[in-house]
PDB file of N, CA and C in Angstrom:
ATOM      1  N   UNK A   1     -10.181  36.169-149.110  1.00  0.00           N
ATOM      2  CA  UNK A   1     -11.182  35.188-149.477  1.00  0.00           C
ATOM      3  C   UNK A   1     -10.781  33.852-148.843  1.00  0.00           C
ATOM      4  N   UNK A   2     -11.704  33.173-148.186  1.00  0.00           N
ATOM      5  CA  UNK A   2     -11.381  31.876-147.588  1.00  0.00           C
ATOM      6  C   UNK A   2     -11.018  30.845-148.656  1.00  0.00           C
ATOM      7  N   UNK A   3     -10.157  29.944-148.291  1.00  0.00           N
ATOM      8  CA  UNK A   3      -9.760  28.888-149.219  1.00  0.00           C
ATOM      9  C   UNK A   3     -10.908  27.900-149.387  1.00  0.00           C
ATOM     10  N   UNK A   4     -11.088  27.407-150.591  1.00  0.00           N
ATOM     11  CA  UNK A   4     -12.103  26.391-150.832  1.00  0.00           C
ATOM     12  C   UNK A   4     -11.483  25.247-151.613  1.00  0.00           C
ATOM     13  N   UNK A   5     -12.128  24.117-151.578  1.00  0.00           N
ATOM     14  CA  UNK A   5     -11.636  22.963-152.327  1.00  0.00           C
ATOM     15  C   UNK A   5     -12.792  22.032-152.620  1.00  0.00           C
ATOM     16  N   UNK A   6     -12.572  21.158-153.548  1.00  0.00           N
ATOM     17  CA  UNK A   6     -13.549  20.124-153.867  1.00  0.00           C
ATOM     18  C   UNK A   6     -13.064  18.814-153.276  1.00  0.00           C
ATOM     19  N   UNK A   7     -13.967  18.050-152.744  1.00  0.00           N
ATOM     20  CA  UNK A   7     -13.626  16.747-152.194  1.00  0.00           C
ATOM     21  C   UNK A   7     -14.601  15.724-152.735  1.00  0.00           C
ATOM     22  N   UNK A   8     -14.076  14.566-153.055  1.00  0.00           N
ATOM     23  CA  UNK A   8     -14.924  13.474-153.517  1.00  0.00           C
ATOM     24  C   UNK A   8     -15.249  12.625-152.310  1.00  0.00           C
ATOM     25  N   UNK A   9     -16.525  12.504-152.016  1.00  0.00           N
ATOM     26  CA  UNK A   9     -16.968  11.700-150.889  1.00  0.00           C
ATOM     27  C   UNK A   9     -17.680  10.472-151.437  1.00  0.00           C
ATOM     28  N   UNK A  10     -17.212   9.309-151.027  1.00  0.00           N
ATOM     29  CA  UNK A  10     -17.838   8.067-151.450  1.00  0.00           C
ATOM     30  C   UNK A  10     -18.498   7.460-150.226  1.00  0.00           C
ATOM     31  N   UNK A  11     -19.779   7.236-150.297  1.00  0.00           N
ATOM     32  CA  UNK A  11     -20.503   6.660-149.172  1.00  0.00           C
ATOM     33  C   UNK A  11     -21.318   5.457-149.615  1.00  0.00           C
ATOM     34  N   UNK A  12     -21.539   4.567-148.709  1.00  0.00           N
ATOM     35  CA  UNK A  12     -22.377   3.397-148.983  1.00  0.00           C
ATOM     36  C   UNK A  12     -23.460   3.336-147.917  1.00  0.00           C
ATOM     37  N   UNK A  13     -24.553   2.683-148.232  1.00  0.00           N
ATOM     38  CA  UNK A  13     -25.676   2.583-147.318  1.00  0.00           C
ATOM     39  C   UNK A  13     -25.551   1.466-146.307  1.00  0.00           C
ATOM     40  N   UNK A  14     -24.389   0.924-146.173  1.00  0.00           N
ATOM     41  CA  UNK A  14     -24.144  -0.164-145.230  1.00  0.00           C
ATOM     42  C   UNK A  14     -22.706  -0.050-144.746  1.00  0.00           C
ATOM     43  N   UNK A  15     -22.419  -0.691-143.629  1.00  0.00           N
ATOM     44  CA  UNK A  15     -21.072  -0.622-143.079  1.00  0.00           C
ATOM     45  C   UNK A  15     -20.134  -1.532-143.852  1.00  0.00           C
ATOM     46  N   UNK A  16     -19.067  -0.956-144.360  1.00  0.00           N
ATOM     47  CA  UNK A  16     -18.060  -1.726-145.082  1.00  0.00           C
ATOM     48  C   UNK A  16     -16.707  -1.083-144.841  1.00  0.00           C
ATOM     49  N   UNK A  17     -15.806  -1.806-144.259  1.00  0.00           N
ATOM     50  CA  UNK A  17     -14.447  -1.306-144.029  1.00  0.00           C
ATOM     51  C   UNK A  17     -13.594  -1.822-145.188  1.00  0.00           C
ATOM     52  N   UNK A  18     -13.031  -0.916-145.962  1.00  0.00           N
ATOM     53  CA  UNK A  18     -12.255  -1.275-147.144  1.00  0.00           C
ATOM     54  C   UNK A  18     -10.850  -0.704-147.005  1.00  0.00           C
ATOM     55  N   UNK A  19      -9.861  -1.508-147.325  1.00  0.00           N
ATOM     56  CA  UNK A  19      -8.470  -1.059-147.276  1.00  0.00           C
ATOM     57  C   UNK A  19      -8.210  -0.032-148.380  1.00  0.00           C
ATOM     58  N   UNK A  20      -7.294   0.870-148.128  1.00  0.00           N
ATOM     59  CA  UNK A  20      -6.947   1.907-149.098  1.00  0.00           C
ATOM     60  C   UNK A  20      -6.516   1.296-150.423  1.00  0.00           C
ATOM     61  N   UNK A  21      -5.707   0.247-150.390  1.00  0.00           N
ATOM     62  CA  UNK A  21      -5.227  -0.392-151.622  1.00  0.00           C
ATOM     63  C   UNK A  21      -6.384  -0.992-152.424  1.00  0.00           C
ATOM     64  N   UNK A  22      -7.415  -1.491-151.730  1.00  0.00           N
ATOM     65  CA  UNK A  22      -8.598  -2.017-152.413  1.00  0.00           C
ATOM     66  C   UNK A  22      -9.341  -0.888-153.103  1.00  0.00           C
ATOM     67  N   UNK A  23      -9.506   0.243-152.413  1.00  0.00           N
ATOM     68  CA  UNK A  23     -10.162   1.400-153.024  1.00  0.00           C
ATOM     69  C   UNK A  23      -9.366   1.929-154.212  1.00  0.00           C
ATOM     70  N   UNK A  24      -8.043   1.918-154.072  1.00  0.00           N
ATOM     71  CA  UNK A  24      -7.176   2.366-155.165  1.00  0.00           C
ATOM     72  C   UNK A  24      -7.348   1.462-156.389  1.00  0.00           C
ATOM     73  N   UNK A  25      -7.429   0.161-156.166  1.00  0.00           N
ATOM     74  CA  UNK A  25      -7.627  -0.787-157.275  1.00  0.00           C
ATOM     75  C   UNK A  25      -8.991  -0.581-157.925  1.00  0.00           C
ATOM     76  N   UNK A  26     -10.032  -0.361-157.113  1.00  0.00           N
ATOM     77  CA  UNK A  26     -11.375  -0.107-157.648  1.00  0.00           C
ATOM     78  C   UNK A  26     -11.397   1.193-158.456  1.00  0.00           C
ATOM     79  N   UNK A  27     -10.688   2.201-157.967  1.00  0.00           N
ATOM     80  CA  UNK A  27     -10.620   3.471-158.693  1.00  0.00           C
ATOM     81  C   UNK A  27      -9.912   3.280-160.035  1.00  0.00           C
ATOM     82  N   UNK A  28      -8.846   2.482-160.047  1.00  0.00           N
ATOM     83  CA  UNK A  28      -8.138   2.199-161.298  1.00  0.00           C
ATOM     84  C   UNK A  28      -9.029   1.483-162.299  1.00  0.00           C
ATOM     85  N   UNK A  29      -9.814   0.541-161.815  1.00  0.00           N
ATOM     86  CA  UNK A  29     -10.744  -0.185-162.691  1.00  0.00           C
ATOM     87  C   UNK A  29     -11.799   0.776-163.251  1.00  0.00           C
ATOM     88  N   UNK A  30     -12.297   1.678-162.403  1.00  0.00           N
ATOM     89  CA  UNK A  30     -13.267   2.670-162.851  1.00  0.00           C
ATOM     90  C   UNK A  30     -12.665   3.577-163.924  1.00  0.00           C
ATOM     91  N   UNK A  31     -11.415   3.983-163.737  1.00  0.00           N
ATOM     92  CA  UNK A  31     -10.723   4.799-164.741  1.00  0.00           C
ATOM     93  C   UNK A  31     -10.701   4.102-166.092  1.00  0.00           C
ATOM     94  N   UNK A  32     -10.335   2.809-166.073  1.00  0.00           N
ATOM     95  CA  UNK A  32     -10.201   2.058-167.336  1.00  0.00           C
ATOM     96  C   UNK A  32     -11.553   1.772-167.982  1.00  0.00           C
ATOM     97  N   UNK A  33     -12.559   1.400-167.198  1.00  0.00           N
ATOM     98  CA  UNK A  33     -13.835   0.994-167.783  1.00  0.00           C
ATOM     99  C   UNK A  33     -14.740   2.163-168.155  1.00  0.00           C
ATOM    100  N   UNK A  34     -14.663   3.250-167.399  1.00  0.00           N
ATOM    101  CA  UNK A  34     -15.562   4.387-167.650  1.00  0.00           C
ATOM    102  C   UNK A  34     -14.866   5.595-168.256  1.00  0.00           C
ATOM    103  N   UNK A  35     -13.545   5.519-168.424  1.00  0.00           N
ATOM    104  CA  UNK A  35     -12.827   6.631-169.040  1.00  0.00           C
ATOM    105  C   UNK A  35     -12.800   7.888-168.191  1.00  0.00           C
ATOM    106  N   UNK A  36     -12.587   7.743-166.899  1.00  0.00           N
ATOM    107  CA  UNK A  36     -12.500   8.900-166.006  1.00  0.00           C
ATOM    108  C   UNK A  36     -11.337   9.777-166.478  1.00  0.00           C
ATOM    109  N   UNK A  37     -11.573  11.077-166.676  1.00  0.00           N
ATOM    110  CA  UNK A  37     -10.550  11.941-167.280  1.00  0.00           C
ATOM    111  C   UNK A  37      -9.485  12.470-166.321  1.00  0.00           C
ATOM    112  N   UNK A  38      -9.290  11.828-165.190  1.00  0.00           N
ATOM    113  CA  UNK A  38      -8.241  12.242-164.258  1.00  0.00           C
ATOM    114  C   UNK A  38      -7.743  11.020-163.505  1.00  0.00           C
ATOM    115  N   UNK A  39      -6.662  11.182-162.773  1.00  0.00           N
ATOM    116  CA  UNK A  39      -6.011  10.078-162.072  1.00  0.00           C
ATOM    117  C   UNK A  39      -6.721   9.791-160.744  1.00  0.00           C
ATOM    118  N   UNK A  40      -7.873   9.125-160.822  1.00  0.00           N
ATOM    119  CA  UNK A  40      -8.665   8.840-159.634  1.00  0.00           C
ATOM    120  C   UNK A  40      -7.928   7.922-158.662  1.00  0.00           C
ATOM    121  N   UNK A  41      -7.271   6.896-159.172  1.00  0.00           N
ATOM    122  CA  UNK A  41      -6.537   5.980-158.289  1.00  0.00           C
ATOM    123  C   UNK A  41      -5.390   6.708-157.588  1.00  0.00           C
ATOM    124  N   UNK A  42      -4.736   7.630-158.273  1.00  0.00           N
ATOM    125  CA  UNK A  42      -3.679   8.426-157.651  1.00  0.00           C
ATOM    126  C   UNK A  42      -4.223   9.342-156.564  1.00  0.00           C
ATOM    127  N   UNK A  43      -5.415   9.894-156.803  1.00  0.00           N
ATOM    128  CA  UNK A  43      -6.048  10.734-155.789  1.00  0.00           C
ATOM    129  C   UNK A  43      -6.387   9.925-154.547  1.00  0.00           C
ATOM    130  N   UNK A  44      -6.858   8.703-154.744  1.00  0.00           N
ATOM    131  CA  UNK A  44      -7.149   7.834-153.602  1.00  0.00           C
ATOM    132  C   UNK A  44      -5.863   7.560-152.837  1.00  0.00           C
ATOM    133  N   UNK A  45      -4.807   7.252-153.564  1.00  0.00           N
ATOM    134  CA  UNK A  45      -3.525   6.937-152.929  1.00  0.00           C
ATOM    135  C   UNK A  45      -2.985   8.120-152.118  1.00  0.00           C
ATOM    136  N   UNK A  46      -3.126   9.326-152.661  1.00  0.00           N
ATOM    137  CA  UNK A  46      -2.559  10.509-151.996  1.00  0.00           C
ATOM    138  C   UNK A  46      -3.478  11.141-150.966  1.00  0.00           C
ATOM    139  N   UNK A  47      -4.801  10.982-151.123  1.00  0.00           N
ATOM    140  CA  UNK A  47      -5.676  11.774-150.271  1.00  0.00           C
ATOM    141  C   UNK A  47      -6.751  11.033-149.508  1.00  0.00           C
ATOM    142  N   UNK A  48      -6.656   9.714-149.424  1.00  0.00           N
ATOM    143  CA  UNK A  48      -7.689   8.950-148.727  1.00  0.00           C
ATOM    144  C   UNK A  48      -7.710   9.285-147.242  1.00  0.00           C
ATOM    145  N   UNK A  49      -8.907   9.513-146.722  1.00  0.00           N
ATOM    146  CA  UNK A  49      -9.117   9.707-145.291  1.00  0.00           C
ATOM    147  C   UNK A  49     -10.337   8.895-144.888  1.00  0.00           C
ATOM    148  N   UNK A  50     -10.192   8.048-143.908  1.00  0.00           N
ATOM    149  CA  UNK A  50     -11.326   7.296-143.398  1.00  0.00           C
ATOM    150  C   UNK A  50     -12.166   8.244-142.550  1.00  0.00           C
ATOM    151  N   UNK A  51     -13.367   8.534-143.004  1.00  0.00           N
ATOM    152  CA  UNK A  51     -14.221   9.504-142.325  1.00  0.00           C
ATOM    153  C   UNK A  51     -15.221   8.849-141.393  1.00  0.00           C
ATOM    154  N   UNK A  52     -15.039   7.565-141.107  1.00  0.00           N
ATOM    155  CA  UNK A  52     -15.992   6.845-140.270  1.00  0.00           C
ATOM    156  C   UNK A  52     -16.209   7.535-138.930  1.00  0.00           C
ATOM    157  N   UNK A  53     -15.151   7.953-138.292  1.00  0.00           N
ATOM    158  CA  UNK A  53     -15.255   8.543-136.960  1.00  0.00           C
ATOM    159  C   UNK A  53     -15.075  10.060-136.965  1.00  0.00           C
ATOM    160  N   UNK A  54     -14.876  10.649-138.128  1.00  0.00           N
ATOM    161  CA  UNK A  54     -14.617  12.088-138.216  1.00  0.00           C
ATOM    162  C   UNK A  54     -15.907  12.894-138.224  1.00  0.00           C
ATOM    163  N   UNK A  55     -15.818  14.078-137.710  1.00  0.00           N
ATOM    164  CA  UNK A  55     -16.891  15.062-137.816  1.00  0.00           C
ATOM    165  C   UNK A  55     -16.297  16.252-138.568  1.00  0.00           C
ATOM    166  N   UNK A  56     -16.467  16.288-139.907  1.00  0.00           N
ATOM    167  CA  UNK A  56     -15.859  17.373-140.679  1.00  0.00           C
ATOM    168  C   UNK A  56     -16.458  18.726-140.305  1.00  0.00           C
ATOM    169  N   UNK A  57     -15.681  19.802-140.495  1.00  0.00           N
ATOM    170  CA  UNK A  57     -16.158  21.125-140.104  1.00  0.00           C
ATOM    171  C   UNK A  57     -17.266  21.664-141.008  1.00  0.00           C
ATOM    172  N   UNK A  58     -17.411  21.126-142.199  1.00  0.00           N
ATOM    173  CA  UNK A  58     -18.440  21.604-143.123  1.00  0.00           C
ATOM    174  C   UNK A  58     -19.710  20.790-142.999  1.00  0.00           C
ATOM    175  N   UNK A  59     -20.579  20.935-143.975  1.00  0.00           N
ATOM    176  CA  UNK A  59     -21.793  20.136-143.988  1.00  0.00           C
ATOM    177  C   UNK A  59     -22.066  19.664-145.407  1.00  0.00           C
ATOM    178  N   UNK A  60     -22.794  18.599-145.532  1.00  0.00           N
ATOM    179  CA  UNK A  60     -23.163  18.052-146.821  1.00  0.00           C
ATOM    180  C   UNK A  60     -24.307  18.881-147.378  1.00  0.00           C
ATOM    181  N   UNK A  61     -24.146  19.338-148.617  1.00  0.00           N
ATOM    182  CA  UNK A  61     -25.199  20.125-149.259  1.00  0.00           C
ATOM    183  C   UNK A  61     -26.217  19.186-149.895  1.00  0.00           C
ATOM    184  N   UNK A  62     -27.480  19.473-149.687  1.00  0.00           N
ATOM    185  CA  UNK A  62     -28.553  18.649-150.240  1.00  0.00           C
ATOM    186  C   UNK A  62     -29.531  19.556-150.971  1.00  0.00           C
ATOM    187  N   UNK A  63     -30.153  19.015-152.026  1.00  0.00           N
ATOM    188  CA  UNK A  63     -31.153  19.796-152.752  1.00  0.00           C
ATOM    189  C   UNK A  63     -32.304  20.203-151.838  1.00  0.00           C
ATOM    190  N   UNK A  64     -32.640  19.368-150.855  1.00  0.00           N
ATOM    191  CA  UNK A  64     -33.740  19.667-149.945  1.00  0.00           C
ATOM    192  C   UNK A  64     -33.462  20.907-149.106  1.00  0.00           C
ATOM    193  N   UNK A  65     -32.189  21.287-148.972  1.00  0.00           N
ATOM    194  CA  UNK A  65     -31.820  22.469-148.188  1.00  0.00           C
ATOM    195  C   UNK A  65     -32.098  23.777-148.932  1.00  0.00           C
ATOM    196  N   UNK A  66     -32.309  23.689-150.233  1.00  0.00           N
ATOM    197  CA  UNK A  66     -32.495  24.891-151.042  1.00  0.00           C
ATOM    198  C   UNK A  66     -33.930  25.386-150.865  1.00  0.00           C
ATOM    199  N   UNK A  67     -34.110  26.627-150.437  1.00  0.00           N
ATOM    200  CA  UNK A  67     -35.473  27.136-150.264  1.00  0.00           C
ATOM    201  C   UNK A  67     -36.194  27.228-151.616  1.00  0.00           C
ATOM    202  N   UNK A  68     -37.456  26.884-151.622  1.00  0.00           N
ATOM    203  CA  UNK A  68     -38.265  26.950-152.835  1.00  0.00           C
ATOM    204  C   UNK A  68     -38.791  28.372-153.012  1.00  0.00           C
ATOM    205  N   UNK A  69     -38.728  28.902-154.239  1.00  0.00           N
ATOM    206  CA  UNK A  69     -39.261  30.244-154.468  1.00  0.00           C
ATOM    207  C   UNK A  69     -40.769  30.272-154.246  1.00  0.00           C
ATOM    208  N   UNK A  70     -41.281  31.367-153.728  1.00  0.00           N
ATOM    209  CA  UNK A  70     -42.711  31.491-153.443  1.00  0.00           C
ATOM    210  C   UNK A  70     -43.548  31.510-154.717  1.00  0.00           C
ATOM    211  N   UNK A  71     -42.954  31.870-155.849  1.00  0.00           N
ATOM    212  CA  UNK A  71     -43.710  32.010-157.091  1.00  0.00           C
ATOM    213  C   UNK A  71     -43.868  30.706-157.874  1.00  0.00           C
ATOM    214  N   UNK A  72     -43.383  29.596-157.349  1.00  0.00           N
ATOM    215  CA  UNK A  72     -43.486  28.325-158.066  1.00  0.00           C
ATOM    216  C   UNK A  72     -44.922  27.823-157.998  1.00  0.00           C
ATOM    217  N   UNK A  73     -45.465  27.453-159.156  1.00  0.00           N
ATOM    218  CA  UNK A  73     -46.819  26.902-159.232  1.00  0.00           C
ATOM    219  C   UNK A  73     -46.706  25.399-159.414  1.00  0.00           C
ATOM    220  N   UNK A  74     -47.351  24.652-158.555  1.00  0.00           N
ATOM    221  CA  UNK A  74     -47.309  23.198-158.662  1.00  0.00           C
ATOM    222  C   UNK A  74     -48.392  22.726-159.622  1.00  0.00           C
ATOM    223  N   UNK A  75     -48.271  21.534-160.204  1.00  0.00           N
ATOM    224  CA  UNK A  75     -49.284  21.031-161.132  1.00  0.00           C
ATOM    225  C   UNK A  75     -50.693  21.009-160.531  1.00  0.00           C
ATOM    226  N   UNK A  76     -50.833  20.710-159.243  1.00  0.00           N
ATOM    227  CA  UNK A  76     -52.154  20.646-158.631  1.00  0.00           C
ATOM    228  C   UNK A  76     -52.816  22.033-158.538  1.00  0.00           C
ATOM    229  N   UNK A  77     -52.018  23.090-158.539  1.00  0.00           N
ATOM    230  CA  UNK A  77     -52.560  24.441-158.482  1.00  0.00           C
ATOM    231  C   UNK A  77     -53.091  24.929-159.832  1.00  0.00           C
ATOM    232  N   UNK A  78     -52.698  24.281-160.911  1.00  0.00           N
ATOM    233  CA  UNK A  78     -53.101  24.734-162.252  1.00  0.00           C
ATOM    234  C   UNK A  78     -54.330  24.036-162.776  1.00  0.00           C
ATOM    235  N   UNK A  79     -54.861  23.082-162.056  1.00  0.00           N
ATOM    236  CA  UNK A  79     -56.033  22.317-162.533  1.00  0.00           C
ATOM    237  C   UNK A  79     -57.324  23.012-162.268  1.00  0.00           C
TER     238      UNK A  79
END
């Protein structure tokens, strides 16, 4: 069986270059204010990768990629 893993991807709709230590501090603040149940700041410290120039081997999954079943009736069809 191929190995799989979960990755947390954080993206913004604008260009922003942020230092790892800044992201780590933001993650720590999120842990304290929102009660994140794991060591998010530690994960940033150990596993941060700047993906700006990377082309990862996988693809981002989107709900739009899921085929719609043929049997779905839309509201306009029931009127």
